[in-house]
Amino acid sequence: MAWKKGESGNPRGPKPGSGPVQKLRKAIEQDAPEILAAMVTAAKGGDTAAAKLLLDRIVPPIKPETRQPAAPGPTDPGEILQAAAEGRLTFEQAERLMSLAVERAKVAELVEIQERLRRIEGMLKSPG
């Protein structure tokens, strides 16, 4: 029997449980408790790969703390670093404050350049 173009030869799709993942699960299903016990033993024995695999599956990832810094926060880069070193700021807070300090310095530099340019243009326009 020939199929028409665009028609599936198997409209119902594959049988449930016939894919490679399901086949693998079925194959190791009865050995899973022993495999898990071996992984735990390996992790306890110092196998960091086994420990990482187990912990990645049972412990949620730690998210950065998002508490507000004490107002007013430091603005000087040295003060920001000191506050982070003392634990008054989280790394993420210090990083954001340092980024703001860098942007503030860029703006100040641009303002200074604009003022210099205005003075130079004024000197060029004035006679003599």
PDB file of N, CA and C in Angstrom:
ATOM      1  N   MET A   1       0.845  -1.184   0.000  1.00  0.00           N
ATOM      2  CA  MET A   1       0.000   0.000   0.000  1.00  0.00           C
ATOM      3  C   MET A   1       0.887   1.242   0.000  1.00  0.00           C
ATOM      4  N   ALA A   2       0.669   2.134  -0.949  1.00  0.00           N
ATOM      5  CA  ALA A   2       1.457   3.361  -1.049  1.00  0.00           C
ATOM      6  C   ALA A   2       0.750   4.477  -0.271  1.00  0.00           C
ATOM      7  N   TRP A   3       1.557   5.302   0.407  1.00  0.00           N
ATOM      8  CA  TRP A   3       0.991   6.426   1.149  1.00  0.00           C
ATOM      9  C   TRP A   3       0.926   7.639   0.243  1.00  0.00           C
ATOM     10  N   LYS A   4      -0.024   8.480   0.518  1.00  0.00           N
ATOM     11  CA  LYS A   4      -0.134   9.720  -0.230  1.00  0.00           C
ATOM     12  C   LYS A   4       0.918  10.692   0.288  1.00  0.00           C
ATOM     13  N   LYS A   5       1.374  11.567  -0.577  1.00  0.00           N
ATOM     14  CA  LYS A   5       2.376  12.564  -0.203  1.00  0.00           C
ATOM     15  C   LYS A   5       1.842  13.411   0.950  1.00  0.00           C
ATOM     16  N   GLY A   6       2.646  13.578   1.997  1.00  0.00           N
ATOM     17  CA  GLY A   6       2.257  14.373   3.156  1.00  0.00           C
ATOM     18  C   GLY A   6       1.523  13.579   4.223  1.00  0.00           C
ATOM     19  N   GLU A   7       1.252  12.295   3.978  1.00  0.00           N
ATOM     20  CA  GLU A   7       0.579  11.454   4.965  1.00  0.00           C
ATOM     21  C   GLU A   7       1.603  10.617   5.695  1.00  0.00           C
ATOM     22  N   SER A   8       1.385  10.431   6.996  1.00  0.00           N
ATOM     23  CA  SER A   8       2.294   9.629   7.790  1.00  0.00           C
ATOM     24  C   SER A   8       2.000   8.161   7.582  1.00  0.00           C
ATOM     25  N   GLY A   9       3.048   7.359   7.571  1.00  0.00           N
ATOM     26  CA  GLY A   9       2.879   5.915   7.497  1.00  0.00           C
ATOM     27  C   GLY A   9       2.437   5.340   8.830  1.00  0.00           C
ATOM     28  N   ASN A  10       2.590   6.129   9.881  1.00  0.00           N
ATOM     29  CA  ASN A  10       2.195   5.680  11.217  1.00  0.00           C
ATOM     30  C   ASN A  10       1.482   6.837  11.907  1.00  0.00           C
ATOM     31  N   PRO A  11       0.212   7.079  11.608  1.00  0.00           N
ATOM     32  CA  PRO A  11      -0.478   8.254  12.154  1.00  0.00           C
ATOM     33  C   PRO A  11      -0.598   8.259  13.671  1.00  0.00           C
ATOM     34  N   ARG A  12      -0.529   7.102  14.305  1.00  0.00           N
ATOM     35  CA  ARG A  12      -0.634   7.052  15.770  1.00  0.00           C
ATOM     36  C   ARG A  12       0.709   7.341  16.448  1.00  0.00           C
ATOM     37  N   GLY A  13       1.769   7.372  15.690  1.00  0.00           N
ATOM     38  CA  GLY A  13       3.092   7.639  16.252  1.00  0.00           C
ATOM     39  C   GLY A  13       3.694   6.396  16.878  1.00  0.00           C
ATOM     40  N   PRO A  14       4.886   6.533  17.459  1.00  0.00           N
ATOM     41  CA  PRO A  14       5.540   5.375  18.069  1.00  0.00           C
ATOM     42  C   PRO A  14       4.796   4.945  19.335  1.00  0.00           C
ATOM     43  N   LYS A  15       4.977   3.687  19.703  1.00  0.00           N
ATOM     44  CA  LYS A  15       4.346   3.171  20.918  1.00  0.00           C
ATOM     45  C   LYS A  15       4.967   3.861  22.127  1.00  0.00           C
ATOM     46  N   PRO A  16       4.165   4.190  23.129  1.00  0.00           N
ATOM     47  CA  PRO A  16       4.729   4.787  24.345  1.00  0.00           C
ATOM     48  C   PRO A  16       5.769   3.850  24.955  1.00  0.00           C
ATOM     49  N   GLY A  17       6.866   4.444  25.394  1.00  0.00           N
ATOM     50  CA  GLY A  17       7.919   3.659  26.026  1.00  0.00           C
ATOM     51  C   GLY A  17       8.863   2.993  25.054  1.00  0.00           C
ATOM     52  N   SER A  18       8.771   3.310  23.757  1.00  0.00           N
ATOM     53  CA  SER A  18       9.635   2.644  22.784  1.00  0.00           C
ATOM     54  C   SER A  18      10.859   3.487  22.413  1.00  0.00           C
ATOM     55  N   GLY A  19      10.974   4.722  22.958  1.00  0.00           N
ATOM     56  CA  GLY A  19      12.114   5.586  22.645  1.00  0.00           C
ATOM     57  C   GLY A  19      13.356   5.173  23.407  1.00  0.00           C
ATOM     58  N   PRO A  20      14.520   5.723  23.039  1.00  0.00           N
ATOM     59  CA  PRO A  20      15.779   5.324  23.672  1.00  0.00           C
ATOM     60  C   PRO A  20      15.847   5.661  25.169  1.00  0.00           C
ATOM     61  N   VAL A  21      15.287   6.790  25.570  1.00  0.00           N
ATOM     62  CA  VAL A  21      15.329   7.168  26.990  1.00  0.00           C
ATOM     63  C   VAL A  21      14.502   6.184  27.813  1.00  0.00           C
ATOM     64  N   GLN A  22      13.311   5.863  27.324  1.00  0.00           N
ATOM     65  CA  GLN A  22      12.454   4.928  28.044  1.00  0.00           C
ATOM     66  C   GLN A  22      13.087   3.536  28.103  1.00  0.00           C
ATOM     67  N   LYS A  23      13.746   3.135  27.023  1.00  0.00           N
ATOM     68  CA  LYS A  23      14.410   1.825  27.006  1.00  0.00           C
ATOM     69  C   LYS A  23      15.535   1.784  28.033  1.00  0.00           C
ATOM     70  N   LEU A  24      16.312   2.880  28.120  1.00  0.00           N
ATOM     71  CA  LEU A  24      17.400   2.947  29.095  1.00  0.00           C
ATOM     72  C   LEU A  24      16.849   2.906  30.518  1.00  0.00           C
ATOM     73  N   ARG A  25      15.791   3.679  30.770  1.00  0.00           N
ATOM     74  CA  ARG A  25      15.189   3.679  32.110  1.00  0.00           C
ATOM     75  C   ARG A  25      14.724   2.276  32.499  1.00  0.00           C
ATOM     76  N   LYS A  26      14.090   1.600  31.571  1.00  0.00           N
ATOM     77  CA  LYS A  26      13.588   0.253  31.849  1.00  0.00           C
ATOM     78  C   LYS A  26      14.751  -0.704  32.126  1.00  0.00           C
ATOM     79  N   ALA A  27      15.839  -0.550  31.376  1.00  0.00           N
ATOM     80  CA  ALA A  27      16.992  -1.441  31.527  1.00  0.00           C
ATOM     81  C   ALA A  27      17.664  -1.280  32.893  1.00  0.00           C
ATOM     82  N   ILE A  28      17.713  -0.071  33.417  1.00  0.00           N
ATOM     83  CA  ILE A  28      18.403   0.146  34.704  1.00  0.00           C
ATOM     84  C   ILE A  28      17.450   0.248  35.888  1.00  0.00           C
ATOM     85  N   GLU A  29      16.162   0.143  35.639  1.00  0.00           N
ATOM     86  CA  GLU A  29      15.157   0.321  36.688  1.00  0.00           C
ATOM     87  C   GLU A  29      15.420  -0.571  37.903  1.00  0.00           C
ATOM     88  N   GLN A  30      15.658  -1.842  37.686  1.00  0.00           N
ATOM     89  CA  GLN A  30      15.841  -2.746  38.821  1.00  0.00           C
ATOM     90  C   GLN A  30      17.181  -2.515  39.518  1.00  0.00           C
ATOM     91  N   ASP A  31      18.163  -1.936  38.819  1.00  0.00           N
ATOM     92  CA  ASP A  31      19.477  -1.691  39.407  1.00  0.00           C
ATOM     93  C   ASP A  31      19.614  -0.288  39.994  1.00  0.00           C
ATOM     94  N   ALA A  32      18.603   0.552  39.834  1.00  0.00           N
ATOM     95  CA  ALA A  32      18.692   1.950  40.277  1.00  0.00           C
ATOM     96  C   ALA A  32      19.068   2.086  41.752  1.00  0.00           C
ATOM     97  N   PRO A  33      18.470   1.324  42.686  1.00  0.00           N
ATOM     98  CA  PRO A  33      18.875   1.478  44.088  1.00  0.00           C
ATOM     99  C   PRO A  33      20.357   1.183  44.315  1.00  0.00           C
ATOM    100  N   GLU A  34      20.875   0.159  43.642  1.00  0.00           N
ATOM    101  CA  GLU A  34      22.298  -0.173  43.796  1.00  0.00           C
ATOM    102  C   GLU A  34      23.178   0.909  43.178  1.00  0.00           C
ATOM    103  N   ILE A  35      22.763   1.424  42.023  1.00  0.00           N
ATOM    104  CA  ILE A  35      23.534   2.497  41.363  1.00  0.00           C
ATOM    105  C   ILE A  35      23.571   3.725  42.257  1.00  0.00           C
ATOM    106  N   LEU A  36      22.435   4.083  42.827  1.00  0.00           N
ATOM    107  CA  LEU A  36      22.374   5.243  43.721  1.00  0.00           C
ATOM    108  C   LEU A  36      23.247   5.025  44.948  1.00  0.00           C
ATOM    109  N   ALA A  37      23.192   3.838  45.534  1.00  0.00           N
ATOM    110  CA  ALA A  37      24.021   3.529  46.707  1.00  0.00           C
ATOM    111  C   ALA A  37      25.502   3.632  46.355  1.00  0.00           C
ATOM    112  N   ALA A  38      25.864   3.156  45.160  1.00  0.00           N
ATOM    113  CA  ALA A  38      27.269   3.236  44.731  1.00  0.00           C
ATOM    114  C   ALA A  38      27.698   4.690  44.552  1.00  0.00           C
ATOM    115  N   MET A  39      26.797   5.520  44.004  1.00  0.00           N
ATOM    116  CA  MET A  39      27.109   6.951  43.836  1.00  0.00           C
ATOM    117  C   MET A  39      27.307   7.623  45.197  1.00  0.00           C
ATOM    118  N   VAL A  40      26.447   7.305  46.151  1.00  0.00           N
ATOM    119  CA  VAL A  40      26.562   7.886  47.496  1.00  0.00           C
ATOM    120  C   VAL A  40      27.864   7.442  48.136  1.00  0.00           C
ATOM    121  N   THR A  41      28.192   6.168  48.008  1.00  0.00           N
ATOM    122  CA  THR A  41      29.449   5.653  48.569  1.00  0.00           C
ATOM    123  C   THR A  41      30.645   6.349  47.927  1.00  0.00           C
ATOM    124  N   ALA A  42      30.596   6.504  46.600  1.00  0.00           N
ATOM    125  CA  ALA A  42      31.691   7.176  45.896  1.00  0.00           C
ATOM    126  C   ALA A  42      31.824   8.623  46.353  1.00  0.00           C
ATOM    127  N   ALA A  43      30.693   9.312  46.502  1.00  0.00           N
ATOM    128  CA  ALA A  43      30.723  10.711  46.946  1.00  0.00           C
ATOM    129  C   ALA A  43      31.302  10.820  48.351  1.00  0.00           C
ATOM    130  N   LYS A  44      30.889   9.919  49.224  1.00  0.00           N
ATOM    131  CA  LYS A  44      31.412   9.921  50.601  1.00  0.00           C
ATOM    132  C   LYS A  44      32.896   9.599  50.631  1.00  0.00           C
ATOM    133  N   GLY A  45      33.351   8.832  49.639  1.00  0.00           N
ATOM    134  CA  GLY A  45      34.760   8.462  49.562  1.00  0.00           C
ATOM    135  C   GLY A  45      35.634   9.525  48.919  1.00  0.00           C
ATOM    136  N   GLY A  46      35.033  10.654  48.532  1.00  0.00           N
ATOM    137  CA  GLY A  46      35.823  11.742  47.981  1.00  0.00           C
ATOM    138  C   GLY A  46      35.698  11.937  46.480  1.00  0.00           C
ATOM    139  N   ASP A  47      34.855  11.188  45.834  1.00  0.00           N
ATOM    140  CA  ASP A  47      34.658  11.356  44.388  1.00  0.00           C
ATOM    141  C   ASP A  47      33.827  12.625  44.171  1.00  0.00           C
ATOM    142  N   THR A  48      34.498  13.703  43.786  1.00  0.00           N
ATOM    143  CA  THR A  48      33.807  14.993  43.660  1.00  0.00           C
ATOM    144  C   THR A  48      32.802  14.998  42.513  1.00  0.00           C
ATOM    145  N   ALA A  49      33.061  14.233  41.454  1.00  0.00           N
ATOM    146  CA  ALA A  49      32.101  14.173  40.352  1.00  0.00           C
ATOM    147  C   ALA A  49      30.801  13.526  40.823  1.00  0.00           C
ATOM    148  N   ALA A  50      30.902  12.454  41.605  1.00  0.00           N
ATOM    149  CA  ALA A  50      29.709  11.798  42.140  1.00  0.00           C
ATOM    150  C   ALA A  50      28.977  12.733  43.099  1.00  0.00           C
ATOM    151  N   ALA A  51      29.733  13.432  43.942  1.00  0.00           N
ATOM    152  CA  ALA A  51      29.119  14.369  44.888  1.00  0.00           C
ATOM    153  C   ALA A  51      28.405  15.489  44.143  1.00  0.00           C
ATOM    154  N   LYS A  52      29.038  16.031  43.107  1.00  0.00           N
ATOM    155  CA  LYS A  52      28.414  17.103  42.337  1.00  0.00           C
ATOM    156  C   LYS A  52      27.128  16.625  41.677  1.00  0.00           C
ATOM    157  N   LEU A  53      27.178  15.442  41.079  1.00  0.00           N
ATOM    158  CA  LEU A  53      25.992  14.894  40.422  1.00  0.00           C
ATOM    159  C   LEU A  53      24.838  14.745  41.412  1.00  0.00           C
ATOM    160  N   LEU A  54      25.127  14.186  42.574  1.00  0.00           N
ATOM    161  CA  LEU A  54      24.078  14.008  43.587  1.00  0.00           C
ATOM    162  C   LEU A  54      23.552  15.346  44.087  1.00  0.00           C
ATOM    163  N   LEU A  55      24.460  16.256  44.427  1.00  0.00           N
ATOM    164  CA  LEU A  55      24.034  17.550  44.969  1.00  0.00           C
ATOM    165  C   LEU A  55      23.289  18.390  43.947  1.00  0.00           C
ATOM    166  N   ASP A  56      23.711  18.311  42.676  1.00  0.00           N
ATOM    167  CA  ASP A  56      23.006  19.056  41.624  1.00  0.00           C
ATOM    168  C   ASP A  56      21.562  18.596  41.497  1.00  0.00           C
ATOM    169  N   ARG A  57      21.307  17.337  41.843  1.00  0.00           N
ATOM    170  CA  ARG A  57      19.954  16.790  41.716  1.00  0.00           C
ATOM    171  C   ARG A  57      19.072  17.062  42.925  1.00  0.00           C
ATOM    172  N   ILE A  58      19.673  17.308  44.097  1.00  0.00           N
ATOM    173  CA  ILE A  58      18.838  17.445  45.297  1.00  0.00           C
ATOM    174  C   ILE A  58      18.865  18.813  45.951  1.00  0.00           C
ATOM    175  N   VAL A  59      19.899  19.610  45.677  1.00  0.00           N
ATOM    176  CA  VAL A  59      20.010  20.931  46.305  1.00  0.00           C
ATOM    177  C   VAL A  59      19.789  22.004  45.240  1.00  0.00           C
ATOM    178  N   PRO A  60      18.829  22.913  45.458  1.00  0.00           N
ATOM    179  CA  PRO A  60      18.615  23.970  44.462  1.00  0.00           C
ATOM    180  C   PRO A  60      19.811  24.911  44.410  1.00  0.00           C
ATOM    181  N   PRO A  61      20.068  25.517  43.252  1.00  0.00           N
ATOM    182  CA  PRO A  61      21.198  26.446  43.151  1.00  0.00           C
ATOM    183  C   PRO A  61      21.002  27.647  44.076  1.00  0.00           C
ATOM    184  N   ILE A  62      22.088  28.123  44.618  1.00  0.00           N
ATOM    185  CA  ILE A  62      22.044  29.276  45.515  1.00  0.00           C
ATOM    186  C   ILE A  62      21.973  30.537  44.669  1.00  0.00           C
ATOM    187  N   LYS A  63      21.016  31.392  44.987  1.00  0.00           N
ATOM    188  CA  LYS A  63      20.851  32.641  44.250  1.00  0.00           C
ATOM    189  C   LYS A  63      21.501  33.775  45.037  1.00  0.00           C
ATOM    190  N   PRO A  64      21.998  34.800  44.326  1.00  0.00           N
ATOM    191  CA  PRO A  64      22.622  35.920  45.032  1.00  0.00           C
ATOM    192  C   PRO A  64      21.625  36.626  45.941  1.00  0.00           C
ATOM    193  N   GLU A  65      22.141  37.117  47.039  1.00  0.00           N
ATOM    194  CA  GLU A  65      21.322  37.862  47.994  1.00  0.00           C
ATOM    195  C   GLU A  65      20.982  39.222  47.393  1.00  0.00           C
ATOM    196  N   THR A  66      19.769  39.681  47.595  1.00  0.00           N
ATOM    197  CA  THR A  66      19.353  40.949  46.988  1.00  0.00           C
ATOM    198  C   THR A  66      18.914  41.970  48.035  1.00  0.00           C
ATOM    199  N   ARG A  67      19.538  41.940  49.197  1.00  0.00           N
ATOM    200  CA  ARG A  67      19.162  42.916  50.218  1.00  0.00           C
ATOM    201  C   ARG A  67      19.639  44.313  49.809  1.00  0.00           C
ATOM    202  N   GLN A  68      18.925  45.314  50.279  1.00  0.00           N
ATOM    203  CA  GLN A  68      19.278  46.701  49.965  1.00  0.00           C
ATOM    204  C   GLN A  68      20.483  47.127  50.809  1.00  0.00           C
ATOM    205  N   PRO A  69      21.432  47.864  50.218  1.00  0.00           N
ATOM    206  CA  PRO A  69      22.556  48.357  51.021  1.00  0.00           C
ATOM    207  C   PRO A  69      22.067  49.427  51.991  1.00  0.00           C
ATOM    208  N   ALA A  70      22.792  49.560  53.093  1.00  0.00           N
ATOM    209  CA  ALA A  70      22.446  50.597  54.067  1.00  0.00           C
ATOM    210  C   ALA A  70      22.588  51.958  53.399  1.00  0.00           C
ATOM    211  N   ALA A  71      21.588  52.793  53.549  1.00  0.00           N
ATOM    212  CA  ALA A  71      21.614  54.123  52.921  1.00  0.00           C
ATOM    213  C   ALA A  71      22.366  55.077  53.815  1.00  0.00           C
ATOM    214  N   PRO A  72      23.120  55.994  53.323  1.00  0.00           N
ATOM    215  CA  PRO A  72      23.565  56.062  51.934  1.00  0.00           C
ATOM    216  C   PRO A  72      24.735  55.098  51.713  1.00  0.00           C
ATOM    217  N   GLY A  73      24.755  54.481  50.547  1.00  0.00           N
ATOM    218  CA  GLY A  73      25.824  53.541  50.219  1.00  0.00           C
ATOM    219  C   GLY A  73      27.089  54.276  49.834  1.00  0.00           C
ATOM    220  N   PRO A  74      28.211  53.591  49.894  1.00  0.00           N
ATOM    221  CA  PRO A  74      29.474  54.229  49.500  1.00  0.00           C
ATOM    222  C   PRO A  74      29.478  54.552  48.006  1.00  0.00           C
ATOM    223  N   THR A  75      30.152  55.627  47.643  1.00  0.00           N
ATOM    224  CA  THR A  75      30.237  56.026  46.235  1.00  0.00           C
ATOM    225  C   THR A  75      31.668  55.992  45.717  1.00  0.00           C
ATOM    226  N   ASP A  76      32.638  56.109  46.603  1.00  0.00           N
ATOM    227  CA  ASP A  76      34.045  56.052  46.215  1.00  0.00           C
ATOM    228  C   ASP A  76      34.438  54.593  45.971  1.00  0.00           C
ATOM    229  N   PRO A  77      35.136  54.307  44.862  1.00  0.00           N
ATOM    230  CA  PRO A  77      35.507  52.918  44.585  1.00  0.00           C
ATOM    231  C   PRO A  77      36.261  52.233  45.725  1.00  0.00           C
ATOM    232  N   GLY A  78      37.125  52.954  46.387  1.00  0.00           N
ATOM    233  CA  GLY A  78      37.849  52.373  47.519  1.00  0.00           C
ATOM    234  C   GLY A  78      36.915  52.015  48.663  1.00  0.00           C
ATOM    235  N   GLU A  79      35.946  52.897  48.929  1.00  0.00           N
ATOM    236  CA  GLU A  79      34.969  52.630  49.986  1.00  0.00           C
ATOM    237  C   GLU A  79      34.076  51.441  49.622  1.00  0.00           C
ATOM    238  N   ILE A  80      33.743  51.333  48.345  1.00  0.00           N
ATOM    239  CA  ILE A  80      32.905  50.211  47.888  1.00  0.00           C
ATOM    240  C   ILE A  80      33.637  48.896  48.121  1.00  0.00           C
ATOM    241  N   LEU A  81      34.916  48.844  47.738  1.00  0.00           N
ATOM    242  CA  LEU A  81      35.707  47.632  47.927  1.00  0.00           C
ATOM    243  C   LEU A  81      35.843  47.288  49.405  1.00  0.00           C
ATOM    244  N   GLN A  82      36.059  48.309  50.224  1.00  0.00           N
ATOM    245  CA  GLN A  82      36.192  48.097  51.664  1.00  0.00           C
ATOM    246  C   GLN A  82      34.891  47.548  52.248  1.00  0.00           C
ATOM    247  N   ALA A  83      33.753  48.126  51.836  1.00  0.00           N
ATOM    248  CA  ALA A  83      32.461  47.675  52.335  1.00  0.00           C
ATOM    249  C   ALA A  83      32.195  46.227  51.930  1.00  0.00           C
ATOM    250  N   ALA A  84      32.591  45.855  50.721  1.00  0.00           N
ATOM    251  CA  ALA A  84      32.413  44.468  50.274  1.00  0.00           C
ATOM    252  C   ALA A  84      33.321  43.536  51.068  1.00  0.00           C
ATOM    253  N   ALA A  85      34.545  43.969  51.308  1.00  0.00           N
ATOM    254  CA  ALA A  85      35.489  43.151  52.067  1.00  0.00           C
ATOM    255  C   ALA A  85      35.021  42.934  53.500  1.00  0.00           C
ATOM    256  N   GLU A  86      34.357  43.920  54.069  1.00  0.00           N
ATOM    257  CA  GLU A  86      33.861  43.821  55.446  1.00  0.00           C
ATOM    258  C   GLU A  86      32.498  43.138  55.525  1.00  0.00           C
ATOM    259  N   GLY A  87      31.896  42.840  54.381  1.00  0.00           N
ATOM    260  CA  GLY A  87      30.608  42.168  54.384  1.00  0.00           C
ATOM    261  C   GLY A  87      29.411  43.093  54.506  1.00  0.00           C
ATOM    262  N   ARG A  88      29.655  44.385  54.441  1.00  0.00           N
ATOM    263  CA  ARG A  88      28.531  45.335  54.509  1.00  0.00           C
ATOM    264  C   ARG A  88      27.777  45.390  53.187  1.00  0.00           C
ATOM    265  N   LEU A  89      28.433  44.956  52.107  1.00  0.00           N
ATOM    266  CA  LEU A  89      27.806  44.863  50.788  1.00  0.00           C
ATOM    267  C   LEU A  89      28.043  43.468  50.249  1.00  0.00           C
ATOM    268  N   THR A  90      27.064  42.943  49.503  1.00  0.00           N
ATOM    269  CA  THR A  90      27.290  41.673  48.817  1.00  0.00           C
ATOM    270  C   THR A  90      28.164  41.954  47.601  1.00  0.00           C
ATOM    271  N   PHE A  91      28.712  40.890  47.026  1.00  0.00           N
ATOM    272  CA  PHE A  91      29.534  41.046  45.832  1.00  0.00           C
ATOM    273  C   PHE A  91      28.726  41.707  44.721  1.00  0.00           C
ATOM    274  N   GLU A  92      27.475  41.280  44.568  1.00  0.00           N
ATOM    275  CA  GLU A  92      26.625  41.826  43.509  1.00  0.00           C
ATOM    276  C   GLU A  92      26.356  43.317  43.727  1.00  0.00           C
ATOM    277  N   GLN A  93      26.116  43.701  44.990  1.00  0.00           N
ATOM    278  CA  GLN A  93      25.886  45.119  45.293  1.00  0.00           C
ATOM    279  C   GLN A  93      27.144  45.936  44.996  1.00  0.00           C
ATOM    280  N   ALA A  94      28.290  45.422  45.413  1.00  0.00           N
ATOM    281  CA  ALA A  94      29.546  46.130  45.165  1.00  0.00           C
ATOM    282  C   ALA A  94      29.799  46.264  43.669  1.00  0.00           C
ATOM    283  N   GLU A  95      29.501  45.211  42.938  1.00  0.00           N
ATOM    284  CA  GLU A  95      29.695  45.236  41.488  1.00  0.00           C
ATOM    285  C   GLU A  95      28.817  46.312  40.850  1.00  0.00           C
ATOM    286  N   ARG A  96      27.553  46.399  41.291  1.00  0.00           N
ATOM    287  CA  ARG A  96      26.650  47.407  40.735  1.00  0.00           C
ATOM    288  C   ARG A  96      27.111  48.817  41.104  1.00  0.00           C
ATOM    289  N   LEU A  97      27.527  48.998  42.351  1.00  0.00           N
ATOM    290  CA  LEU A  97      27.993  50.319  42.774  1.00  0.00           C
ATOM    291  C   LEU A  97      29.266  50.719  42.032  1.00  0.00           C
ATOM    292  N   MET A  98      30.175  49.765  41.807  1.00  0.00           N
ATOM    293  CA  MET A  98      31.395  50.073  41.063  1.00  0.00           C
ATOM    294  C   MET A  98      31.050  50.456  39.629  1.00  0.00           C
ATOM    295  N   SER A  99      30.087  49.764  39.043  1.00  0.00           N
ATOM    296  CA  SER A  99      29.657  50.081  37.689  1.00  0.00           C
ATOM    297  C   SER A  99      29.092  51.498  37.640  1.00  0.00           C
ATOM    298  N   LEU A 100      28.299  51.849  38.642  1.00  0.00           N
ATOM    299  CA  LEU A 100      27.768  53.217  38.702  1.00  0.00           C
ATOM    300  C   LEU A 100      28.881  54.247  38.873  1.00  0.00           C
ATOM    301  N   ALA A 101      29.873  53.921  39.687  1.00  0.00           N
ATOM    302  CA  ALA A 101      30.997  54.837  39.893  1.00  0.00           C
ATOM    303  C   ALA A 101      31.759  55.051  38.589  1.00  0.00           C
ATOM    304  N   VAL A 102      31.945  53.990  37.822  1.00  0.00           N
ATOM    305  CA  VAL A 102      32.640  54.100  36.527  1.00  0.00           C
ATOM    306  C   VAL A 102      31.829  54.976  35.578  1.00  0.00           C
ATOM    307  N   GLU A 103      30.511  54.744  35.524  1.00  0.00           N
ATOM    308  CA  GLU A 103      29.653  55.551  34.649  1.00  0.00           C
ATOM    309  C   GLU A 103      29.660  57.017  35.089  1.00  0.00           C
ATOM    310  N   ARG A 104      29.639  57.250  36.395  1.00  0.00           N
ATOM    311  CA  ARG A 104      29.688  58.625  36.911  1.00  0.00           C
ATOM    312  C   ARG A 104      30.984  59.305  36.478  1.00  0.00           C
ATOM    313  N   ALA A 105      32.100  58.569  36.540  1.00  0.00           N
ATOM    314  CA  ALA A 105      33.392  59.128  36.129  1.00  0.00           C
ATOM    315  C   ALA A 105      33.399  59.445  34.633  1.00  0.00           C
ATOM    316  N   LYS A 106      32.783  58.589  33.825  1.00  0.00           N
ATOM    317  CA  LYS A 106      32.708  58.838  32.380  1.00  0.00           C
ATOM    318  C   LYS A 106      31.894  60.101  32.097  1.00  0.00           C
ATOM    319  N   VAL A 107      30.783  60.261  32.803  1.00  0.00           N
ATOM    320  CA  VAL A 107      29.945  61.448  32.612  1.00  0.00           C
ATOM    321  C   VAL A 107      30.714  62.703  33.015  1.00  0.00           C
ATOM    322  N   ALA A 108      31.412  62.644  34.142  1.00  0.00           N
ATOM    323  CA  ALA A 108      32.192  63.795  34.594  1.00  0.00           C
ATOM    324  C   ALA A 108      33.271  64.142  33.572  1.00  0.00           C
ATOM    325  N   GLU A 109      33.896  63.132  33.000  1.00  0.00           N
ATOM    326  CA  GLU A 109      34.926  63.356  31.982  1.00  0.00           C
ATOM    327  C   GLU A 109      34.321  64.025  30.746  1.00  0.00           C
ATOM    328  N   LEU A 110      33.149  63.559  30.321  1.00  0.00           N
ATOM    329  CA  LEU A 110      32.493  64.157  29.161  1.00  0.00           C
ATOM    330  C   LEU A 110      32.087  65.604  29.423  1.00  0.00           C
ATOM    331  N   VAL A 111      31.600  65.878  30.631  1.00  0.00           N
ATOM    332  CA  VAL A 111      31.231  67.251  30.982  1.00  0.00           C
ATOM    333  C   VAL A 111      32.456  68.152  30.934  1.00  0.00           C
ATOM    334  N   GLU A 112      33.582  67.663  31.447  1.00  0.00           N
ATOM    335  CA  GLU A 112      34.818  68.437  31.433  1.00  0.00           C
ATOM    336  C   GLU A 112      35.278  68.693  29.991  1.00  0.00           C
ATOM    337  N   ILE A 113      35.197  67.671  29.134  1.00  0.00           N
ATOM    338  CA  ILE A 113      35.592  67.830  27.731  1.00  0.00           C
ATOM    339  C   ILE A 113      34.689  68.841  27.034  1.00  0.00           C
ATOM    340  N   GLN A 114      33.386  68.784  27.311  1.00  0.00           N
ATOM    341  CA  GLN A 114      32.460  69.747  26.711  1.00  0.00           C
ATOM    342  C   GLN A 114      32.794  71.171  27.139  1.00  0.00           C
ATOM    343  N   GLU A 115      33.102  71.345  28.416  1.00  0.00           N
ATOM    344  CA  GLU A 115      33.442  72.686  28.917  1.00  0.00           C
ATOM    345  C   GLU A 115      34.722  73.186  28.261  1.00  0.00           C
ATOM    346  N   ARG A 116      35.723  72.341  28.142  1.00  0.00           N
ATOM    347  CA  ARG A 116      36.972  72.739  27.473  1.00  0.00           C
ATOM    348  C   ARG A 116      36.706  73.128  26.020  1.00  0.00           C
ATOM    349  N   LEU A 117      35.877  72.335  25.343  1.00  0.00           N
ATOM    350  CA  LEU A 117      35.555  72.612  23.946  1.00  0.00           C
ATOM    351  C   LEU A 117      34.842  73.959  23.814  1.00  0.00           C
ATOM    352  N   ARG A 118      33.913  74.236  24.740  1.00  0.00           N
ATOM    353  CA  ARG A 118      33.222  75.542  24.712  1.00  0.00           C
ATOM    354  C   ARG A 118      34.213  76.692  24.868  1.00  0.00           C
ATOM    355  N   ARG A 119      35.166  76.545  25.799  1.00  0.00           N
ATOM    356  CA  ARG A 119      36.162  77.602  26.004  1.00  0.00           C
ATOM    357  C   ARG A 119      37.033  77.784  24.770  1.00  0.00           C
ATOM    358  N   ILE A 120      37.440  76.663  24.155  1.00  0.00           N
ATOM    359  CA  ILE A 120      38.279  76.748  22.950  1.00  0.00           C
ATOM    360  C   ILE A 120      37.502  77.413  21.817  1.00  0.00           C
ATOM    361  N   GLU A 121      36.246  77.009  21.634  1.00  0.00           N
ATOM    362  CA  GLU A 121      35.429  77.628  20.575  1.00  0.00           C
ATOM    363  C   GLU A 121      35.217  79.113  20.853  1.00  0.00           C
ATOM    364  N   GLY A 122      35.032  79.469  22.102  1.00  0.00           N
ATOM    365  CA  GLY A 122      34.883  80.880  22.472  1.00  0.00           C
ATOM    366  C   GLY A 122      36.144  81.669  22.172  1.00  0.00           C
ATOM    367  N   MET A 123      37.307  81.100  22.430  1.00  0.00           N
ATOM    368  CA  MET A 123      38.564  81.777  22.158  1.00  0.00           C
ATOM    369  C   MET A 123      38.772  81.939  20.648  1.00  0.00           C
ATOM    370  N   LEU A 124      38.341  80.958  19.854  1.00  0.00           N
ATOM    371  CA  LEU A 124      38.500  81.039  18.413  1.00  0.00           C
ATOM    372  C   LEU A 124      37.561  82.064  17.786  1.00  0.00           C
ATOM    373  N   LYS A 125      36.383  82.246  18.362  1.00  0.00           N
ATOM    374  CA  LYS A 125      35.406  83.192  17.834  1.00  0.00           C
ATOM    375  C   LYS A 125      35.736  84.635  18.216  1.00  0.00           C
ATOM    376  N   SER A 126      36.330  84.829  19.376  1.00  0.00           N
ATOM    377  CA  SER A 126      36.594  86.207  19.812  1.00  0.00           C
ATOM    378  C   SER A 126      37.778  86.794  19.030  1.00  0.00           C
ATOM    379  N   PRO A 127      37.632  88.053  18.644  1.00  0.00           N
ATOM    380  CA  PRO A 127      38.709  88.684  17.873  1.00  0.00           C
ATOM    381  C   PRO A 127      39.944  88.908  18.747  1.00  0.00           C
ATOM    382  N   GLY A 128      41.060  88.647  18.155  1.00  0.00           N
ATOM    383  CA  GLY A 128      42.354  89.005  18.630  1.00  0.00           C
ATOM    384  C   GLY A 128      42.914  88.420  19.790  1.00  0.00           C
TER     385      GLY A 128
END
